[in-house]
Structure formats: C-alpha cells, structure tokens
Amino acid sequence: MLEAASRAGWHDDAGRLAYDICRRVYAENDRRDLSVHERPLPGVAREYWPSDLSTWDASEGYGWGAQTASYVIRQLCGFYEAEDTNGCAFRLAPGLPPELIAGKTLGIGPLPYRGRLLWLTYRDAADGSLEIEVRLDQAARLVARDETSGEELLDAAPSTVHNFRLALGCSARIDVSIAVSAIARTVTGRECWLR
C-alpha cells in the first residue's frame, strides 16, 4: 500500500503511515521488559501490525520489522530509483511528517546506488521546504529538477557536496554525472581515461 501511495504521488500520506508504523515497531522492538505487552518477546517482530496492538494475537518471529528499513529509505527519506537506468539518476520525494523533521537535521547513508555511495541529509527550513544535502563518494556534477513544475532546483559543478531546497510534498529528479576527466573504464583489460 505504501509503494502504491508513493507511486500515486501521495508522498505525505505514505510518509505519515510509514512514520506511524516505524515509530511503533522500533519502540516495541527496542523495549527492555514485558510490562506493556507480554508478547512478542522484545526484539522479535510481530506477525502483523494492527492499529490497536491490544487486539494482536498471533505468532511471533516474523521478519516484518525488517520491512521498516524500506519505509525509512523510500517513504520517509523519499529515495527512489529512477526508471531510466542510464547513468546515475534517482528521485527524491521525502514524506517526513512535520513532528519528525521540525527543527531537526536528519540523514541517511551511505546508500550504495549504481556504483556510487550517497548520503542524504534533510534540514527543516522555516519556509515550508526542506534543505537537502546530497553527499557523494566522488566529485560529480548534480542537476536537481522539480518533477511537477520542471523548475531547475540546482545545476552544480562537480563537487562531493550539493545543496538545494525542495518544497514539502514535492519530488525531484536528481542526475549525477561523474566529471568527464575523472572517468576511468576498463576496456578489454586496459584502463582508458575519457577526457
């Protein structure tokens, strides 16, 4: 359901539901006693996550708690692969609820993606937008474009750190290009430098 909501462009709704699930799952999996809930054992995921945990009566030991990592990366941080597999492109459509991001800086990484490592940092901006930092393992040009309006948010020269703003509820396509002078490829066992 969260993937479908994200695909439909309901990033805020998907983010809200992902946050509610993750908050409950992590709080329960990290608990140190059985005083609130007798089952499942601390550190063990529930078979399913009903809205009212007092109605839960099922098996334990399932891996559904691991699903929350996907929710954090995709629905909360809004990191999605680009449909175009040429080069290093991705989408950012953060669904961070206000109470999670308000006055804070949140980050995730390293994310291995298409032969690169990426770190994403989100800062609450007072104007209803997010300040986003994309840090790369190698200097590269970065172009960020609002997917709805087509507005160019950033077209930056090669660097390992890039910053731009994205309005809440919006999504951006990010294209990362390795600096041409730094590209090395192996061709028939020999190293070639593209200039």
C-alpha atoms as a PDB file:
ATOM      1  CA  MET A   1       0.000   0.000   0.000  1.00  0.00           C
ATOM      2  CA  LEU A   2       2.833   2.435   0.810  1.00  0.00           C
ATOM      3  CA  GLU A   3       4.504   1.819  -2.535  1.00  0.00           C
ATOM      4  CA  ALA A   4       1.193   2.387  -4.337  1.00  0.00           C
ATOM      5  CA  ALA A   5       0.601   5.644  -2.444  1.00  0.00           C
ATOM      6  CA  SER A   6       4.129   6.788  -3.276  1.00  0.00           C
ATOM      7  CA  ARG A   7       3.686   5.882  -6.924  1.00  0.00           C
ATOM      8  CA  ALA A   8       0.423   7.867  -6.992  1.00  0.00           C
ATOM      9  CA  GLY A   9       2.290  10.917  -5.677  1.00  0.00           C
ATOM     10  CA  TRP A  10       0.768  10.801  -2.184  1.00  0.00           C
ATOM     11  CA  HIS A  11       4.175  11.208  -0.549  1.00  0.00           C
ATOM     12  CA  ASP A  12       2.880  12.953   2.571  1.00  0.00           C
ATOM     13  CA  ASP A  13       0.280  10.227   3.194  1.00  0.00           C
ATOM     14  CA  ALA A  14       2.790   7.434   2.564  1.00  0.00           C
ATOM     15  CA  GLY A  15       5.314   9.173   4.818  1.00  0.00           C
ATOM     16  CA  ARG A  16       2.752   9.616   7.606  1.00  0.00           C
ATOM     17  CA  LEU A  17       1.765   5.935   7.555  1.00  0.00           C
ATOM     18  CA  ALA A  18       5.409   4.803   7.323  1.00  0.00           C
ATOM     19  CA  TYR A  19       6.299   7.031  10.286  1.00  0.00           C
ATOM     20  CA  ASP A  20       3.426   5.677  12.381  1.00  0.00           C
ATOM     21  CA  ILE A  21       4.434   2.082  11.629  1.00  0.00           C
ATOM     22  CA  CYS A  22       8.172   2.642  12.190  1.00  0.00           C
ATOM     23  CA  ARG A  23       7.600   4.529  15.440  1.00  0.00           C
ATOM     24  CA  ARG A  24       5.529   1.660  16.823  1.00  0.00           C
ATOM     25  CA  VAL A  25       7.812  -1.098  15.523  1.00  0.00           C
ATOM     26  CA  TYR A  26      11.070   0.432  16.751  1.00  0.00           C
ATOM     27  CA  ALA A  27       9.641   1.348  20.157  1.00  0.00           C
ATOM     28  CA  GLU A  28       8.386  -2.175  20.671  1.00  0.00           C
ATOM     29  CA  ASN A  29      11.430  -3.970  19.276  1.00  0.00           C
ATOM     30  CA  ASP A  30      13.721  -1.863  21.476  1.00  0.00           C
ATOM     31  CA  ARG A  31      11.751  -2.348  24.696  1.00  0.00           C
ATOM     32  CA  ARG A  32      13.554  -3.961  27.619  1.00  0.00           C
ATOM     33  CA  ASP A  33      10.652  -5.525  29.540  1.00  0.00           C
ATOM     34  CA  LEU A  34       7.274  -7.207  29.157  1.00  0.00           C
ATOM     35  CA  SER A  35       5.269  -4.773  31.312  1.00  0.00           C
ATOM     36  CA  VAL A  36       3.293  -3.179  28.466  1.00  0.00           C
ATOM     37  CA  HIS A  37       2.978  -6.150  26.103  1.00  0.00           C
ATOM     38  CA  GLU A  38       3.582  -9.733  27.167  1.00  0.00           C
ATOM     39  CA  ARG A  39       4.153 -10.865  23.579  1.00  0.00           C
ATOM     40  CA  PRO A  40       6.083 -10.850  21.376  1.00  0.00           C
ATOM     41  CA  LEU A  41       9.383 -11.030  23.163  1.00  0.00           C
ATOM     42  CA  PRO A  42      11.445  -7.824  22.974  1.00  0.00           C
ATOM     43  CA  GLY A  43      13.476  -7.743  19.784  1.00  0.00           C
ATOM     44  CA  VAL A  44      11.107 -10.093  17.952  1.00  0.00           C
ATOM     45  CA  ALA A  45       8.812  -8.740  15.245  1.00  0.00           C
ATOM     46  CA  ARG A  46       5.078  -9.270  15.264  1.00  0.00           C
ATOM     47  CA  GLU A  47       3.475 -11.305  12.508  1.00  0.00           C
ATOM     48  CA  TYR A  48       1.413  -8.256  11.573  1.00  0.00           C
ATOM     49  CA  TRP A  49       0.871  -4.749  12.990  1.00  0.00           C
ATOM     50  CA  PRO A  50      -2.794  -3.971  13.769  1.00  0.00           C
ATOM     51  CA  SER A  51      -3.672  -0.362  14.558  1.00  0.00           C
ATOM     52  CA  ASP A  52      -4.699  -1.406  18.068  1.00  0.00           C
ATOM     53  CA  LEU A  53      -1.910  -3.593  19.451  1.00  0.00           C
ATOM     54  CA  SER A  54      -4.174  -4.883  22.230  1.00  0.00           C
ATOM     55  CA  THR A  55      -6.053  -6.898  19.573  1.00  0.00           C
ATOM     56  CA  TRP A  56      -2.901  -8.697  18.429  1.00  0.00           C
ATOM     57  CA  ASP A  57      -3.000 -12.466  18.980  1.00  0.00           C
ATOM     58  CA  ALA A  58      -0.745 -14.252  16.540  1.00  0.00           C
ATOM     59  CA  SER A  59       2.622 -15.880  16.083  1.00  0.00           C
ATOM     60  CA  GLU A  60       5.898 -14.102  16.555  1.00  0.00           C
ATOM     61  CA  GLY A  61       9.290 -14.388  14.973  1.00  0.00           C
ATOM     62  CA  TYR A  62       8.435 -12.950  11.594  1.00  0.00           C
ATOM     63  CA  GLY A  63      10.642 -10.554   9.680  1.00  0.00           C
ATOM     64  CA  TRP A  64       8.070  -7.813   9.158  1.00  0.00           C
ATOM     65  CA  GLY A  65      10.040  -5.497  11.417  1.00  0.00           C
ATOM     66  CA  ALA A  66      12.738  -5.569   8.743  1.00  0.00           C
ATOM     67  CA  GLN A  67      10.259  -4.001   6.309  1.00  0.00           C
ATOM     68  CA  THR A  68      10.612  -0.762   8.232  1.00  0.00           C
ATOM     69  CA  ALA A  69      14.079  -0.186   6.744  1.00  0.00           C
ATOM     70  CA  SER A  70      12.427   0.083   3.347  1.00  0.00           C
ATOM     71  CA  TYR A  71       9.830   2.501   4.775  1.00  0.00           C
ATOM     72  CA  VAL A  72      12.574   4.735   6.187  1.00  0.00           C
ATOM     73  CA  ILE A  73      14.558   4.804   2.925  1.00  0.00           C
ATOM     74  CA  ARG A  74      11.653   5.056   0.497  1.00  0.00           C
ATOM     75  CA  GLN A  75       8.602   6.636   2.127  1.00  0.00           C
ATOM     76  CA  LEU A  76      10.249   8.813   4.796  1.00  0.00           C
ATOM     77  CA  CYS A  77      13.530   9.846   3.118  1.00  0.00           C
ATOM     78  CA  GLY A  78      11.886   9.533  -0.289  1.00  0.00           C
ATOM     79  CA  PHE A  79      14.784   7.830  -2.077  1.00  0.00           C
ATOM     80  CA  TYR A  80      13.576   6.021  -5.216  1.00  0.00           C
ATOM     81  CA  GLU A  81      15.455   4.601  -8.179  1.00  0.00           C
ATOM     82  CA  ALA A  82      14.915   6.396 -11.487  1.00  0.00           C
ATOM     83  CA  GLU A  83      13.079   4.443 -14.164  1.00  0.00           C
ATOM     84  CA  ASP A  84      15.811   5.414 -16.604  1.00  0.00           C
ATOM     85  CA  THR A  85      18.747   3.103 -15.874  1.00  0.00           C
ATOM     86  CA  ASN A  86      21.287   5.061 -17.930  1.00  0.00           C
ATOM     87  CA  GLY A  87      23.757   6.817 -15.680  1.00  0.00           C
ATOM     88  CA  CYS A  88      23.192   7.665 -12.044  1.00  0.00           C
ATOM     89  CA  ALA A  89      19.754   9.203 -11.618  1.00  0.00           C
ATOM     90  CA  PHE A  90      17.271   8.902  -8.778  1.00  0.00           C
ATOM     91  CA  ARG A  91      14.164  10.533  -7.361  1.00  0.00           C
ATOM     92  CA  LEU A  92      13.758  12.266  -4.022  1.00  0.00           C
ATOM     93  CA  ALA A  93      10.206  12.573  -2.698  1.00  0.00           C
ATOM     94  CA  PRO A  94      10.550  12.951   1.086  1.00  0.00           C
ATOM     95  CA  GLY A  95       7.485  12.223   3.183  1.00  0.00           C
ATOM     96  CA  LEU A  96       8.851  13.425   6.514  1.00  0.00           C
ATOM     97  CA  PRO A  97       5.966  14.379   8.849  1.00  0.00           C
ATOM     98  CA  PRO A  98       6.333  17.819  10.483  1.00  0.00           C
ATOM     99  CA  GLU A  99       6.783  16.412  14.010  1.00  0.00           C
ATOM    100  CA  LEU A 100       9.659  14.242  12.794  1.00  0.00           C
ATOM    101  CA  ILE A 101      11.611  16.966  10.942  1.00  0.00           C
ATOM    102  CA  ALA A 102      10.599  20.193  12.759  1.00  0.00           C
ATOM    103  CA  GLY A 103      13.757  21.930  13.957  1.00  0.00           C
ATOM    104  CA  LYS A 104      15.922  18.921  13.168  1.00  0.00           C
ATOM    105  CA  THR A 105      18.518  17.614  10.783  1.00  0.00           C
ATOM    106  CA  LEU A 106      18.008  14.007   9.688  1.00  0.00           C
ATOM    107  CA  GLY A 107      20.244  11.930   7.465  1.00  0.00           C
ATOM    108  CA  ILE A 108      20.738   8.520   5.943  1.00  0.00           C
ATOM    109  CA  GLY A 109      23.709   6.873   4.304  1.00  0.00           C
ATOM    110  CA  PRO A 110      25.814   5.554   2.888  1.00  0.00           C
ATOM    111  CA  LEU A 111      23.362   4.292   0.283  1.00  0.00           C
ATOM    112  CA  PRO A 112      25.083   2.173  -2.375  1.00  0.00           C
ATOM    113  CA  TYR A 113      23.446   3.054  -5.679  1.00  0.00           C
ATOM    114  CA  ARG A 114      24.557   2.344  -9.239  1.00  0.00           C
ATOM    115  CA  GLY A 115      28.217   2.052  -8.362  1.00  0.00           C
ATOM    116  CA  ARG A 116      28.273   5.082  -6.074  1.00  0.00           C
ATOM    117  CA  LEU A 117      27.773   5.867  -2.401  1.00  0.00           C
ATOM    118  CA  LEU A 118      25.266   8.564  -1.462  1.00  0.00           C
ATOM    119  CA  TRP A 119      24.487  10.304   1.828  1.00  0.00           C
ATOM    120  CA  LEU A 120      21.275  12.315   2.138  1.00  0.00           C
ATOM    121  CA  THR A 121      20.674  14.983   4.779  1.00  0.00           C
ATOM    122  CA  TYR A 122      17.388  16.812   5.351  1.00  0.00           C
ATOM    123  CA  ARG A 123      17.052  20.061   7.316  1.00  0.00           C
ATOM    124  CA  ASP A 124      13.813  21.746   8.230  1.00  0.00           C
ATOM    125  CA  ALA A 125      13.592  25.155   6.553  1.00  0.00           C
ATOM    126  CA  ALA A 126      11.204  27.662   8.125  1.00  0.00           C
ATOM    127  CA  ASP A 127       9.615  28.486   4.759  1.00  0.00           C
ATOM    128  CA  GLY A 128       7.805  25.142   4.302  1.00  0.00           C
ATOM    129  CA  SER A 129      10.618  23.490   2.419  1.00  0.00           C
ATOM    130  CA  LEU A 130      13.452  21.096   3.120  1.00  0.00           C
ATOM    131  CA  GLU A 131      17.111  21.904   2.699  1.00  0.00           C
ATOM    132  CA  ILE A 132      18.555  18.779   1.129  1.00  0.00           C
ATOM    133  CA  GLU A 133      22.221  17.880   1.021  1.00  0.00           C
ATOM    134  CA  VAL A 134      23.420  15.136  -1.305  1.00  0.00           C
ATOM    135  CA  ARG A 135      26.941  13.979  -0.474  1.00  0.00           C
ATOM    136  CA  LEU A 136      28.778  11.761  -2.953  1.00  0.00           C
ATOM    137  CA  ASP A 137      31.772   9.469  -2.692  1.00  0.00           C
ATOM    138  CA  GLN A 138      33.312  11.131  -5.796  1.00  0.00           C
ATOM    139  CA  ALA A 139      33.053  14.648  -7.135  1.00  0.00           C
ATOM    140  CA  ALA A 140      30.292  14.908  -9.719  1.00  0.00           C
ATOM    141  CA  ARG A 141      28.010  17.417 -11.365  1.00  0.00           C
ATOM    142  CA  LEU A 142      24.498  17.305  -9.935  1.00  0.00           C
ATOM    143  CA  VAL A 143      21.276  18.525 -11.531  1.00  0.00           C
ATOM    144  CA  ALA A 144      18.072  18.595  -9.464  1.00  0.00           C
ATOM    145  CA  ARG A 145      14.733  19.328 -11.113  1.00  0.00           C
ATOM    146  CA  ASP A 146      11.249  19.573  -9.574  1.00  0.00           C
ATOM    147  CA  GLU A 147       9.270  16.718 -11.148  1.00  0.00           C
ATOM    148  CA  THR A 148       5.956  18.598 -11.187  1.00  0.00           C
ATOM    149  CA  SER A 149       6.899  22.114 -12.301  1.00  0.00           C
ATOM    150  CA  GLY A 150      10.068  21.201 -14.200  1.00  0.00           C
ATOM    151  CA  GLU A 151      11.859  24.005 -12.317  1.00  0.00           C
ATOM    152  CA  GLU A 152      15.595  23.539 -12.071  1.00  0.00           C
ATOM    153  CA  LEU A 153      16.469  23.461  -8.379  1.00  0.00           C
ATOM    154  CA  LEU A 154      20.215  23.066  -8.857  1.00  0.00           C
ATOM    155  CA  ASP A 155      22.754  22.678 -11.647  1.00  0.00           C
ATOM    156  CA  ALA A 156      26.071  22.465  -9.861  1.00  0.00           C
ATOM    157  CA  ALA A 157      29.654  21.967 -10.978  1.00  0.00           C
ATOM    158  CA  PRO A 158      31.467  18.797  -9.872  1.00  0.00           C
ATOM    159  CA  SER A 159      31.703  18.533  -6.089  1.00  0.00           C
ATOM    160  CA  THR A 160      31.200  15.905  -3.412  1.00  0.00           C
ATOM    161  CA  VAL A 161      28.551  18.005  -1.606  1.00  0.00           C
ATOM    162  CA  HIS A 162      25.454  19.563  -3.206  1.00  0.00           C
ATOM    163  CA  ASN A 163      22.639  21.512  -1.518  1.00  0.00           C
ATOM    164  CA  PHE A 164      19.208  22.585  -2.731  1.00  0.00           C
ATOM    165  CA  ARG A 165      15.703  23.242  -1.397  1.00  0.00           C
ATOM    166  CA  LEU A 166      12.609  21.210  -2.133  1.00  0.00           C
ATOM    167  CA  ALA A 167       9.089  22.238  -1.132  1.00  0.00           C
ATOM    168  CA  LEU A 168       7.332  19.831   1.217  1.00  0.00           C
ATOM    169  CA  GLY A 169       5.161  17.368  -0.671  1.00  0.00           C
ATOM    170  CA  CYS A 170       7.173  17.776  -3.880  1.00  0.00           C
ATOM    171  CA  SER A 171       9.556  15.423  -5.652  1.00  0.00           C
ATOM    172  CA  ALA A 172      12.755  15.985  -7.589  1.00  0.00           C
ATOM    173  CA  ARG A 173      14.721  14.064 -10.179  1.00  0.00           C
ATOM    174  CA  ILE A 174      18.424  14.036  -9.403  1.00  0.00           C
ATOM    175  CA  ASP A 175      21.017  13.382 -12.114  1.00  0.00           C
ATOM    176  CA  VAL A 176      24.597  12.756 -11.049  1.00  0.00           C
ATOM    177  CA  SER A 177      27.346  12.896 -13.673  1.00  0.00           C
ATOM    178  CA  ILE A 178      30.937  11.960 -12.949  1.00  0.00           C
ATOM    179  CA  ALA A 179      33.353  14.659 -14.014  1.00  0.00           C
ATOM    180  CA  VAL A 180      34.462  13.582 -17.500  1.00  0.00           C
ATOM    181  CA  SER A 181      38.169  13.957 -16.728  1.00  0.00           C
ATOM    182  CA  ALA A 182      37.777  11.586 -13.773  1.00  0.00           C
ATOM    183  CA  ILE A 183      36.038   8.721 -15.536  1.00  0.00           C
ATOM    184  CA  ALA A 184      38.086   5.551 -15.834  1.00  0.00           C
ATOM    185  CA  ARG A 185      36.777   2.472 -17.593  1.00  0.00           C
ATOM    186  CA  THR A 186      38.316  -0.873 -18.264  1.00  0.00           C
ATOM    187  CA  VAL A 187      38.118  -1.854 -21.915  1.00  0.00           C
ATOM    188  CA  THR A 188      39.464  -5.245 -22.946  1.00  0.00           C
ATOM    189  CA  GLY A 189      41.652  -5.355 -19.856  1.00  0.00           C
ATOM    190  CA  ARG A 190      43.192  -1.894 -20.368  1.00  0.00           C
ATOM    191  CA  GLU A 191      42.410   1.233 -18.459  1.00  0.00           C
ATOM    192  CA  CYS A 192      41.038   4.100 -20.588  1.00  0.00           C
ATOM    193  CA  TRP A 193      40.628   7.688 -19.467  1.00  0.00           C
ATOM    194  CA  LEU A 194      37.879   9.738 -21.013  1.00  0.00           C
ATOM    195  CA  ARG A 195      38.715  13.422 -21.417  1.00  0.00           C
END
